[in-house]
């Protein structure tokens, strides 16, 4: 695979330069994956609008989905980024490993969400009826289901961009998931 460069501010369109400036202000840096979106004049803005859109899911619930989906899609960049974000949202290292594996032993509702996100991703949207029933029995709504599916799509886009480009991970690298030890 050829090396895919991470564009700098000087390499991108004026619109993307403004987005880089905002990311630098809010995050303190421009994550390599976001910078990679900026090879397109429109993809970074479109992605950030989609990723930051209103949702019925809490920040913690979004991280459950992000971790489960990124594990299924084997995206080390997103696993590393969302491990850091998951910790910022109060998850422990052990809980993050469980969520990556598609379950939670400490929260029934998050367990149902993790199982759903994993199942949707593994089955490309052909969700198992029992997993869906468990999701609704945990207290989620049809609106939550649609928002979860949208989030699976959002995360899959980033997973695929990293899988294709292999830009360097600029977060602490997530530890490998050893399913037999969880």
N, C-alpha and C. Protein backbone atom coordinates (compact mmCIF):
# COMPACT_ATOMS: atom_id res chain seq x y z
N UNK A 1 0.85 -1.19 0.00
CA UNK A 1 0.00 0.00 0.00
C UNK A 1 0.89 1.24 0.00
N UNK A 2 0.53 2.20 -0.78
CA UNK A 2 1.31 3.44 -0.82
C UNK A 2 1.03 4.26 0.44
N UNK A 3 2.00 5.06 0.79
CA UNK A 3 1.84 5.92 1.96
C UNK A 3 0.88 7.05 1.62
N UNK A 4 -0.04 7.29 2.49
CA UNK A 4 -1.04 8.33 2.30
C UNK A 4 -0.67 9.47 3.22
N UNK A 5 -0.40 10.64 2.68
CA UNK A 5 0.03 11.76 3.51
C UNK A 5 -1.12 12.37 4.30
N UNK A 6 -0.75 12.93 5.44
CA UNK A 6 -1.68 13.70 6.25
C UNK A 6 -1.48 15.15 5.85
N UNK A 7 -2.49 15.78 5.26
CA UNK A 7 -2.30 17.17 4.81
C UNK A 7 -2.14 18.13 5.98
N UNK A 8 -1.35 19.14 5.76
CA UNK A 8 -1.21 20.22 6.74
C UNK A 8 -2.19 21.33 6.38
N UNK A 9 -2.28 22.31 7.21
CA UNK A 9 -3.18 23.44 6.97
C UNK A 9 -2.91 24.07 5.61
N UNK A 10 -1.64 24.19 5.25
CA UNK A 10 -1.26 24.82 3.98
C UNK A 10 -1.66 23.99 2.77
N UNK A 11 -1.91 22.70 2.97
CA UNK A 11 -2.23 21.79 1.86
C UNK A 11 -3.72 21.75 1.52
N UNK A 12 -4.57 22.37 2.35
CA UNK A 12 -6.02 22.18 2.19
C UNK A 12 -6.70 23.48 1.75
N UNK A 13 -7.96 23.34 1.36
CA UNK A 13 -8.74 24.48 0.90
C UNK A 13 -8.94 25.52 2.00
N UNK A 14 -9.32 26.72 1.61
CA UNK A 14 -9.57 27.80 2.56
C UNK A 14 -10.64 27.39 3.58
N UNK A 15 -11.70 26.74 3.11
CA UNK A 15 -12.76 26.27 4.01
C UNK A 15 -12.19 25.29 5.03
N UNK A 16 -11.37 24.34 4.56
CA UNK A 16 -10.78 23.36 5.48
C UNK A 16 -9.76 24.01 6.41
N UNK A 17 -9.08 25.05 5.96
CA UNK A 17 -8.15 25.77 6.84
C UNK A 17 -8.89 26.35 8.03
N UNK A 18 -10.07 26.90 7.77
CA UNK A 18 -10.88 27.46 8.86
C UNK A 18 -11.31 26.34 9.83
N UNK A 19 -11.65 25.19 9.30
CA UNK A 19 -12.02 24.06 10.15
C UNK A 19 -10.81 23.60 10.97
N UNK A 20 -9.63 23.54 10.34
CA UNK A 20 -8.41 23.19 11.07
C UNK A 20 -8.19 24.17 12.22
N UNK A 21 -8.40 25.47 11.97
CA UNK A 21 -8.23 26.49 13.02
C UNK A 21 -9.19 26.23 14.18
N UNK A 22 -10.45 25.91 13.86
CA UNK A 22 -11.44 25.63 14.90
C UNK A 22 -11.07 24.37 15.68
N UNK A 23 -10.60 23.34 14.97
CA UNK A 23 -10.19 22.11 15.66
C UNK A 23 -9.00 22.37 16.58
N UNK A 24 -8.06 23.17 16.11
CA UNK A 24 -6.91 23.52 16.95
C UNK A 24 -7.35 24.27 18.20
N UNK A 25 -8.35 25.16 18.05
CA UNK A 25 -8.87 25.91 19.19
C UNK A 25 -9.59 24.99 20.18
N UNK A 26 -10.43 24.08 19.67
CA UNK A 26 -11.24 23.25 20.56
C UNK A 26 -10.51 22.01 21.08
N UNK A 27 -9.67 21.39 20.26
CA UNK A 27 -8.99 20.15 20.67
C UNK A 27 -7.51 20.33 21.00
N UNK A 28 -6.95 21.42 20.51
CA UNK A 28 -5.53 21.64 20.70
C UNK A 28 -4.67 21.05 19.58
N UNK A 29 -5.30 20.36 18.64
CA UNK A 29 -4.61 19.79 17.48
C UNK A 29 -5.65 19.35 16.46
N UNK A 30 -5.20 19.03 15.27
CA UNK A 30 -6.07 18.47 14.24
C UNK A 30 -5.74 16.98 14.15
N UNK A 31 -6.66 16.12 14.59
CA UNK A 31 -6.39 14.68 14.49
C UNK A 31 -6.07 14.29 13.04
N UNK A 32 -5.13 13.38 12.89
CA UNK A 32 -4.71 12.95 11.56
C UNK A 32 -5.87 12.47 10.70
N UNK A 33 -6.83 11.76 11.30
CA UNK A 33 -7.95 11.27 10.50
C UNK A 33 -8.79 12.42 9.98
N UNK A 34 -9.03 13.43 10.82
CA UNK A 34 -9.78 14.59 10.36
C UNK A 34 -9.02 15.30 9.24
N UNK A 35 -7.72 15.44 9.42
CA UNK A 35 -6.91 16.08 8.38
C UNK A 35 -7.02 15.31 7.07
N UNK A 36 -7.09 13.99 7.16
CA UNK A 36 -7.19 13.16 5.96
C UNK A 36 -8.50 13.41 5.23
N UNK A 37 -9.58 13.63 5.97
CA UNK A 37 -10.86 14.00 5.34
C UNK A 37 -10.67 15.25 4.48
N UNK A 38 -9.74 16.13 4.87
CA UNK A 38 -9.57 17.42 4.20
C UNK A 38 -8.88 17.31 2.84
N UNK A 39 -8.51 16.10 2.43
CA UNK A 39 -8.08 15.94 1.03
C UNK A 39 -9.23 16.33 0.10
N UNK A 40 -10.45 16.16 0.59
CA UNK A 40 -11.65 16.60 -0.13
C UNK A 40 -12.00 18.00 0.35
N UNK A 41 -12.46 18.83 -0.55
CA UNK A 41 -12.86 20.19 -0.16
C UNK A 41 -14.14 20.19 0.67
N UNK A 42 -14.91 19.10 0.64
CA UNK A 42 -16.21 19.09 1.32
C UNK A 42 -16.36 18.01 2.39
N UNK A 43 -15.59 16.93 2.35
CA UNK A 43 -15.83 15.78 3.23
C UNK A 43 -15.65 16.09 4.71
N UNK A 44 -14.64 16.89 5.07
CA UNK A 44 -14.40 17.17 6.48
C UNK A 44 -15.58 17.92 7.09
N UNK A 45 -16.02 18.97 6.43
CA UNK A 45 -17.17 19.73 6.94
C UNK A 45 -18.42 18.86 7.00
N UNK A 46 -18.67 18.10 5.95
CA UNK A 46 -19.84 17.21 5.93
C UNK A 46 -19.76 16.19 7.05
N UNK A 47 -18.59 15.59 7.24
CA UNK A 47 -18.44 14.59 8.28
C UNK A 47 -18.65 15.20 9.67
N UNK A 48 -18.02 16.32 9.94
CA UNK A 48 -18.16 16.94 11.26
C UNK A 48 -19.59 17.36 11.54
N UNK A 49 -20.29 17.85 10.52
CA UNK A 49 -21.71 18.19 10.70
C UNK A 49 -22.51 16.94 11.06
N UNK A 50 -22.23 15.83 10.38
CA UNK A 50 -22.94 14.58 10.64
C UNK A 50 -22.57 14.05 12.03
N UNK A 51 -21.29 14.03 12.34
CA UNK A 51 -20.83 13.47 13.61
C UNK A 51 -21.31 14.30 14.81
N UNK A 52 -21.49 15.59 14.62
CA UNK A 52 -21.89 16.47 15.72
C UNK A 52 -23.38 16.81 15.70
N UNK A 53 -24.13 16.14 14.85
CA UNK A 53 -25.57 16.41 14.76
C UNK A 53 -26.29 15.98 16.03
N UNK A 54 -27.46 16.56 16.26
CA UNK A 54 -28.27 16.18 17.41
C UNK A 54 -28.62 14.70 17.33
N UNK A 55 -28.69 14.06 18.49
CA UNK A 55 -29.03 12.65 18.58
C UNK A 55 -29.73 12.39 19.90
N UNK A 56 -30.49 11.32 19.96
CA UNK A 56 -31.15 10.93 21.21
C UNK A 56 -30.19 10.17 22.12
N UNK A 57 -29.00 9.85 21.64
CA UNK A 57 -28.03 9.11 22.44
C UNK A 57 -27.14 10.08 23.23
N UNK A 58 -26.83 9.72 24.45
CA UNK A 58 -25.92 10.52 25.28
C UNK A 58 -24.49 10.37 24.76
N UNK A 59 -23.61 11.23 25.23
CA UNK A 59 -22.19 11.13 24.84
C UNK A 59 -21.63 9.76 25.21
N UNK A 60 -22.01 9.26 26.36
CA UNK A 60 -21.54 7.93 26.81
C UNK A 60 -22.07 6.84 25.88
N UNK A 61 -23.34 6.93 25.53
CA UNK A 61 -23.93 5.94 24.62
C UNK A 61 -23.27 6.00 23.24
N UNK A 62 -22.95 7.19 22.78
CA UNK A 62 -22.27 7.31 21.48
C UNK A 62 -20.92 6.59 21.53
N UNK A 63 -20.22 6.69 22.65
CA UNK A 63 -18.92 6.01 22.76
C UNK A 63 -19.09 4.49 22.78
N UNK A 64 -20.18 4.01 23.36
CA UNK A 64 -20.46 2.56 23.32
C UNK A 64 -20.52 2.10 21.87
N UNK A 65 -21.28 2.81 21.06
CA UNK A 65 -21.44 2.47 19.64
C UNK A 65 -20.10 2.62 18.92
N UNK A 66 -19.41 3.73 19.14
CA UNK A 66 -18.13 3.96 18.46
C UNK A 66 -17.12 2.85 18.75
N UNK A 67 -17.06 2.41 20.00
CA UNK A 67 -16.11 1.36 20.37
C UNK A 67 -16.48 0.01 19.77
N UNK A 68 -17.76 -0.36 19.84
CA UNK A 68 -18.19 -1.65 19.30
C UNK A 68 -18.00 -1.72 17.79
N UNK A 69 -18.39 -0.66 17.10
CA UNK A 69 -18.28 -0.62 15.64
C UNK A 69 -16.82 -0.64 15.21
N UNK A 70 -15.99 0.16 15.85
CA UNK A 70 -14.58 0.24 15.48
C UNK A 70 -13.86 -1.08 15.72
N UNK A 71 -14.30 -1.84 16.73
CA UNK A 71 -13.70 -3.16 16.98
C UNK A 71 -14.07 -4.13 15.87
N UNK A 72 -15.36 -4.16 15.52
CA UNK A 72 -15.79 -5.06 14.43
C UNK A 72 -15.05 -4.72 13.15
N UNK A 73 -14.89 -3.43 12.87
CA UNK A 73 -14.22 -3.00 11.64
C UNK A 73 -12.70 -2.97 11.77
N UNK A 74 -12.19 -3.36 12.94
CA UNK A 74 -10.75 -3.48 13.18
C UNK A 74 -9.99 -2.20 12.82
N UNK A 75 -10.48 -1.07 13.32
CA UNK A 75 -9.87 0.22 13.03
C UNK A 75 -9.08 0.70 14.24
N UNK A 76 -7.76 0.52 14.20
CA UNK A 76 -6.91 0.90 15.34
C UNK A 76 -6.96 2.41 15.60
N UNK A 77 -7.09 3.22 14.56
CA UNK A 77 -7.16 4.67 14.78
C UNK A 77 -8.39 4.99 15.63
N UNK A 78 -9.56 4.53 15.20
CA UNK A 78 -10.79 4.87 15.91
C UNK A 78 -10.86 4.19 17.28
N UNK A 79 -10.32 2.97 17.40
CA UNK A 79 -10.28 2.32 18.71
C UNK A 79 -9.42 3.15 19.67
N UNK A 80 -8.31 3.65 19.19
CA UNK A 80 -7.43 4.46 20.03
C UNK A 80 -8.09 5.79 20.41
N UNK A 81 -8.66 6.47 19.44
CA UNK A 81 -9.33 7.74 19.71
C UNK A 81 -10.50 7.56 20.67
N UNK A 82 -11.32 6.54 20.43
CA UNK A 82 -12.52 6.37 21.25
C UNK A 82 -12.23 5.71 22.60
N UNK A 83 -11.09 5.06 22.73
CA UNK A 83 -10.65 4.64 24.06
C UNK A 83 -10.36 5.88 24.90
N UNK A 84 -9.64 6.83 24.34
CA UNK A 84 -9.35 8.09 25.05
C UNK A 84 -10.65 8.85 25.37
N UNK A 85 -11.54 8.94 24.39
CA UNK A 85 -12.81 9.66 24.61
C UNK A 85 -13.69 8.91 25.60
N UNK A 86 -13.68 7.58 25.52
CA UNK A 86 -14.44 6.77 26.47
C UNK A 86 -13.99 7.02 27.91
N UNK A 87 -12.67 7.12 28.11
CA UNK A 87 -12.14 7.43 29.45
C UNK A 87 -12.61 8.81 29.89
N UNK A 88 -12.63 9.77 28.96
CA UNK A 88 -13.10 11.12 29.29
C UNK A 88 -14.57 11.10 29.67
N UNK A 89 -15.31 10.09 29.19
CA UNK A 89 -16.74 9.96 29.51
C UNK A 89 -16.99 9.04 30.71
N UNK A 90 -15.92 8.66 31.41
CA UNK A 90 -16.08 7.93 32.67
C UNK A 90 -15.97 6.42 32.60
N UNK A 91 -15.66 5.86 31.44
CA UNK A 91 -15.49 4.41 31.35
C UNK A 91 -14.10 4.01 31.85
N UNK A 92 -14.02 2.87 32.52
CA UNK A 92 -12.74 2.32 32.95
C UNK A 92 -12.11 1.54 31.79
N UNK A 93 -10.84 1.20 31.94
CA UNK A 93 -10.17 0.39 30.91
C UNK A 93 -10.91 -0.93 30.69
N UNK A 94 -11.32 -1.58 31.78
CA UNK A 94 -12.03 -2.86 31.66
C UNK A 94 -13.38 -2.68 30.95
N UNK A 95 -14.10 -1.64 31.30
CA UNK A 95 -15.39 -1.39 30.64
C UNK A 95 -15.20 -1.12 29.15
N UNK A 96 -14.15 -0.39 28.80
CA UNK A 96 -13.87 -0.11 27.39
C UNK A 96 -13.59 -1.40 26.63
N UNK A 97 -12.82 -2.29 27.23
CA UNK A 97 -12.55 -3.58 26.58
C UNK A 97 -13.83 -4.38 26.39
N UNK A 98 -14.70 -4.36 27.38
CA UNK A 98 -15.98 -5.05 27.24
C UNK A 98 -16.81 -4.45 26.11
N UNK A 99 -16.91 -3.14 26.08
CA UNK A 99 -17.71 -2.47 25.05
C UNK A 99 -17.15 -2.77 23.67
N UNK A 100 -15.84 -2.81 23.54
CA UNK A 100 -15.22 -3.18 22.26
C UNK A 100 -15.63 -4.60 21.87
N UNK A 101 -15.75 -5.47 22.85
CA UNK A 101 -16.16 -6.85 22.59
C UNK A 101 -17.66 -6.97 22.34
N UNK A 102 -18.40 -5.87 22.57
CA UNK A 102 -19.83 -5.85 22.26
C UNK A 102 -20.74 -6.18 23.42
N UNK A 103 -20.31 -5.88 24.65
CA UNK A 103 -21.19 -6.09 25.80
C UNK A 103 -20.75 -5.21 26.97
N UNK A 104 -21.60 -5.15 27.99
CA UNK A 104 -21.26 -4.48 29.24
C UNK A 104 -21.75 -5.37 30.38
N UNK A 105 -20.87 -5.67 31.32
CA UNK A 105 -21.25 -6.49 32.47
C UNK A 105 -21.80 -5.65 33.62
N UNK A 106 -21.72 -4.31 33.50
CA UNK A 106 -22.11 -3.45 34.61
C UNK A 106 -23.37 -2.62 34.35
N UNK A 107 -23.87 -2.62 33.11
CA UNK A 107 -25.02 -1.78 32.79
C UNK A 107 -25.86 -2.48 31.73
N UNK A 108 -27.06 -2.88 32.10
CA UNK A 108 -27.94 -3.64 31.20
C UNK A 108 -28.28 -2.85 29.94
N UNK A 109 -28.53 -1.56 30.10
CA UNK A 109 -28.91 -0.74 28.96
C UNK A 109 -27.73 -0.58 27.99
N UNK A 110 -26.55 -0.29 28.52
CA UNK A 110 -25.37 -0.17 27.65
C UNK A 110 -25.00 -1.51 27.03
N UNK A 111 -25.27 -2.60 27.76
CA UNK A 111 -25.04 -3.94 27.22
C UNK A 111 -25.91 -4.16 25.97
N UNK A 112 -27.17 -3.80 26.05
CA UNK A 112 -28.08 -3.96 24.90
C UNK A 112 -27.63 -3.10 23.73
N UNK A 113 -27.15 -1.89 24.02
CA UNK A 113 -26.68 -0.98 22.97
C UNK A 113 -25.42 -1.52 22.31
N UNK A 114 -24.47 -1.99 23.11
CA UNK A 114 -23.22 -2.54 22.57
C UNK A 114 -23.50 -3.77 21.70
N UNK A 115 -24.39 -4.62 22.18
CA UNK A 115 -24.73 -5.83 21.40
C UNK A 115 -25.40 -5.45 20.08
N UNK A 116 -26.26 -4.44 20.12
CA UNK A 116 -26.92 -3.99 18.90
C UNK A 116 -25.91 -3.41 17.92
N UNK A 117 -25.05 -2.51 18.38
CA UNK A 117 -24.07 -1.88 17.49
C UNK A 117 -23.16 -2.94 16.86
N UNK A 118 -22.72 -3.89 17.65
CA UNK A 118 -21.86 -4.97 17.14
C UNK A 118 -22.61 -5.79 16.09
N UNK A 119 -23.86 -6.15 16.41
CA UNK A 119 -24.65 -6.99 15.52
C UNK A 119 -24.97 -6.29 14.21
N UNK A 120 -25.35 -5.03 14.28
CA UNK A 120 -25.64 -4.26 13.06
C UNK A 120 -24.40 -4.23 12.16
N UNK A 121 -23.25 -3.98 12.77
CA UNK A 121 -22.01 -3.86 12.00
C UNK A 121 -21.60 -5.20 11.41
N UNK A 122 -21.62 -6.24 12.22
CA UNK A 122 -21.23 -7.57 11.73
C UNK A 122 -22.15 -8.07 10.61
N UNK A 123 -23.43 -7.75 10.73
CA UNK A 123 -24.43 -8.26 9.78
C UNK A 123 -24.83 -7.24 8.73
N UNK A 124 -24.10 -6.13 8.67
CA UNK A 124 -24.34 -5.08 7.68
C UNK A 124 -25.81 -4.64 7.65
N UNK A 125 -26.35 -4.46 8.85
CA UNK A 125 -27.70 -3.94 8.98
C UNK A 125 -28.79 -4.99 9.06
N UNK A 126 -28.46 -6.24 8.84
CA UNK A 126 -29.46 -7.31 8.96
C UNK A 126 -29.47 -7.80 10.41
N UNK A 127 -30.03 -6.96 11.27
CA UNK A 127 -29.97 -7.16 12.71
C UNK A 127 -30.76 -8.38 13.16
N UNK A 128 -30.15 -9.16 14.05
CA UNK A 128 -30.85 -10.32 14.63
C UNK A 128 -32.04 -9.84 15.44
N UNK A 129 -33.17 -10.49 15.25
CA UNK A 129 -34.41 -10.11 15.94
C UNK A 129 -34.25 -10.13 17.45
N UNK A 130 -33.56 -11.12 17.99
CA UNK A 130 -33.39 -11.21 19.45
C UNK A 130 -32.55 -10.05 19.99
N UNK A 131 -31.58 -9.59 19.24
CA UNK A 131 -30.74 -8.46 19.65
C UNK A 131 -31.58 -7.19 19.64
N UNK A 132 -32.41 -7.04 18.62
CA UNK A 132 -33.29 -5.88 18.52
C UNK A 132 -34.32 -5.88 19.66
N UNK A 133 -34.90 -7.03 19.94
CA UNK A 133 -35.87 -7.16 21.03
C UNK A 133 -35.22 -6.81 22.37
N UNK A 134 -34.01 -7.28 22.59
CA UNK A 134 -33.26 -6.97 23.81
C UNK A 134 -33.03 -5.47 23.94
N UNK A 135 -32.71 -4.80 22.83
CA UNK A 135 -32.49 -3.35 22.80
C UNK A 135 -33.76 -2.61 23.26
N UNK A 136 -34.90 -3.00 22.69
CA UNK A 136 -36.15 -2.35 23.08
C UNK A 136 -36.54 -2.69 24.52
N UNK A 137 -36.31 -3.93 24.94
CA UNK A 137 -36.62 -4.33 26.32
C UNK A 137 -35.76 -3.59 27.34
N UNK A 138 -34.59 -3.12 26.92
CA UNK A 138 -33.71 -2.36 27.82
C UNK A 138 -34.18 -0.92 27.99
N UNK A 139 -35.21 -0.51 27.23
CA UNK A 139 -35.77 0.83 27.38
C UNK A 139 -35.50 1.77 26.23
N UNK A 140 -34.86 1.29 25.19
CA UNK A 140 -34.61 2.13 24.02
C UNK A 140 -35.85 2.19 23.13
N UNK A 141 -35.92 3.25 22.33
CA UNK A 141 -37.07 3.50 21.46
C UNK A 141 -36.69 3.29 19.99
N UNK A 142 -37.69 3.37 19.14
CA UNK A 142 -37.43 3.30 17.69
C UNK A 142 -36.56 4.48 17.25
N UNK A 143 -36.74 5.64 17.86
CA UNK A 143 -35.90 6.79 17.56
C UNK A 143 -34.45 6.52 17.94
N UNK A 144 -34.25 5.89 19.11
CA UNK A 144 -32.89 5.52 19.51
C UNK A 144 -32.27 4.54 18.52
N UNK A 145 -33.10 3.64 17.99
CA UNK A 145 -32.61 2.66 17.01
C UNK A 145 -32.10 3.37 15.76
N UNK A 146 -32.89 4.30 15.25
CA UNK A 146 -32.48 5.03 14.04
C UNK A 146 -31.21 5.84 14.31
N UNK A 147 -31.15 6.49 15.47
CA UNK A 147 -29.94 7.25 15.80
C UNK A 147 -28.73 6.33 15.95
N UNK A 148 -28.92 5.14 16.48
CA UNK A 148 -27.83 4.17 16.60
C UNK A 148 -27.35 3.73 15.22
N UNK A 149 -28.27 3.45 14.33
CA UNK A 149 -27.89 3.03 12.96
C UNK A 149 -27.13 4.17 12.27
N UNK A 150 -27.59 5.40 12.45
CA UNK A 150 -26.88 6.55 11.86
C UNK A 150 -25.47 6.64 12.42
N UNK A 151 -25.32 6.41 13.72
CA UNK A 151 -23.99 6.46 14.34
C UNK A 151 -23.10 5.32 13.85
N UNK A 152 -23.68 4.14 13.64
CA UNK A 152 -22.90 3.03 13.06
C UNK A 152 -22.37 3.45 11.69
N UNK A 153 -23.20 4.10 10.90
CA UNK A 153 -22.76 4.59 9.58
C UNK A 153 -21.68 5.63 9.70
N UNK A 154 -21.85 6.58 10.61
CA UNK A 154 -20.87 7.64 10.86
C UNK A 154 -19.51 7.02 11.20
N UNK A 155 -19.50 6.09 12.14
CA UNK A 155 -18.23 5.50 12.57
C UNK A 155 -17.63 4.62 11.48
N UNK A 156 -18.46 3.94 10.73
CA UNK A 156 -17.96 3.08 9.65
C UNK A 156 -17.23 3.90 8.60
N UNK A 157 -17.71 5.09 8.32
CA UNK A 157 -17.04 5.97 7.35
C UNK A 157 -15.60 6.23 7.81
N UNK A 158 -15.44 6.63 9.06
CA UNK A 158 -14.09 6.89 9.58
C UNK A 158 -13.24 5.62 9.60
N UNK A 159 -13.85 4.51 10.00
CA UNK A 159 -13.12 3.24 10.01
C UNK A 159 -12.59 2.92 8.62
N UNK A 160 -13.41 3.11 7.62
CA UNK A 160 -13.01 2.79 6.25
C UNK A 160 -11.95 3.76 5.73
N UNK A 161 -12.07 5.03 6.09
CA UNK A 161 -11.05 5.99 5.66
C UNK A 161 -9.70 5.61 6.25
N UNK A 162 -9.69 5.25 7.54
CA UNK A 162 -8.41 4.86 8.12
C UNK A 162 -7.91 3.54 7.54
N UNK A 163 -8.79 2.59 7.36
CA UNK A 163 -8.37 1.29 6.81
C UNK A 163 -7.76 1.45 5.42
N UNK A 164 -8.27 2.38 4.65
CA UNK A 164 -7.77 2.62 3.30
C UNK A 164 -6.48 3.44 3.30
N UNK A 165 -6.42 4.47 4.14
CA UNK A 165 -5.28 5.38 4.10
C UNK A 165 -4.14 5.00 5.05
N UNK A 166 -4.47 4.33 6.14
CA UNK A 166 -3.48 3.94 7.15
C UNK A 166 -2.65 5.12 7.66
N UNK A 167 -3.30 6.29 7.83
CA UNK A 167 -2.59 7.43 8.39
C UNK A 167 -2.19 7.10 9.83
N UNK A 168 -1.09 7.70 10.31
CA UNK A 168 -0.61 7.38 11.66
C UNK A 168 -1.64 7.70 12.74
N UNK A 169 -1.69 6.83 13.74
CA UNK A 169 -2.55 7.04 14.90
C UNK A 169 -1.88 8.08 15.78
N UNK A 170 -2.60 9.15 16.11
CA UNK A 170 -2.04 10.21 16.93
C UNK A 170 -2.74 10.32 18.29
N UNK A 171 -3.18 9.20 18.79
CA UNK A 171 -3.73 9.04 20.14
C UNK A 171 -2.94 7.91 20.79
N UNK A 172 -2.98 7.78 22.12
CA UNK A 172 -2.35 6.60 22.73
C UNK A 172 -2.99 5.34 22.11
N UNK A 173 -2.16 4.44 21.62
CA UNK A 173 -2.67 3.27 20.89
C UNK A 173 -3.41 2.34 21.84
N UNK A 174 -4.61 1.97 21.43
CA UNK A 174 -5.45 1.06 22.23
C UNK A 174 -4.80 -0.31 22.31
N UNK A 175 -4.96 -0.94 23.46
CA UNK A 175 -4.40 -2.28 23.61
C UNK A 175 -5.22 -3.27 22.79
N UNK A 176 -4.58 -4.33 22.34
CA UNK A 176 -5.32 -5.34 21.57
C UNK A 176 -6.41 -5.96 22.43
N UNK A 177 -7.48 -6.36 21.80
CA UNK A 177 -8.58 -7.01 22.49
C UNK A 177 -8.35 -8.50 22.46
N UNK A 178 -8.26 -9.09 23.64
CA UNK A 178 -8.11 -10.55 23.75
C UNK A 178 -9.43 -11.08 24.28
N UNK A 179 -10.28 -11.52 23.37
CA UNK A 179 -11.64 -11.92 23.74
C UNK A 179 -11.68 -13.02 24.78
N UNK A 180 -10.72 -13.94 24.74
CA UNK A 180 -10.79 -15.05 25.69
C UNK A 180 -10.49 -14.62 27.13
N UNK A 181 -9.92 -13.43 27.34
CA UNK A 181 -9.63 -12.99 28.70
C UNK A 181 -10.73 -12.10 29.27
N UNK A 182 -11.71 -11.78 28.47
CA UNK A 182 -12.78 -10.88 28.96
C UNK A 182 -13.96 -11.70 29.43
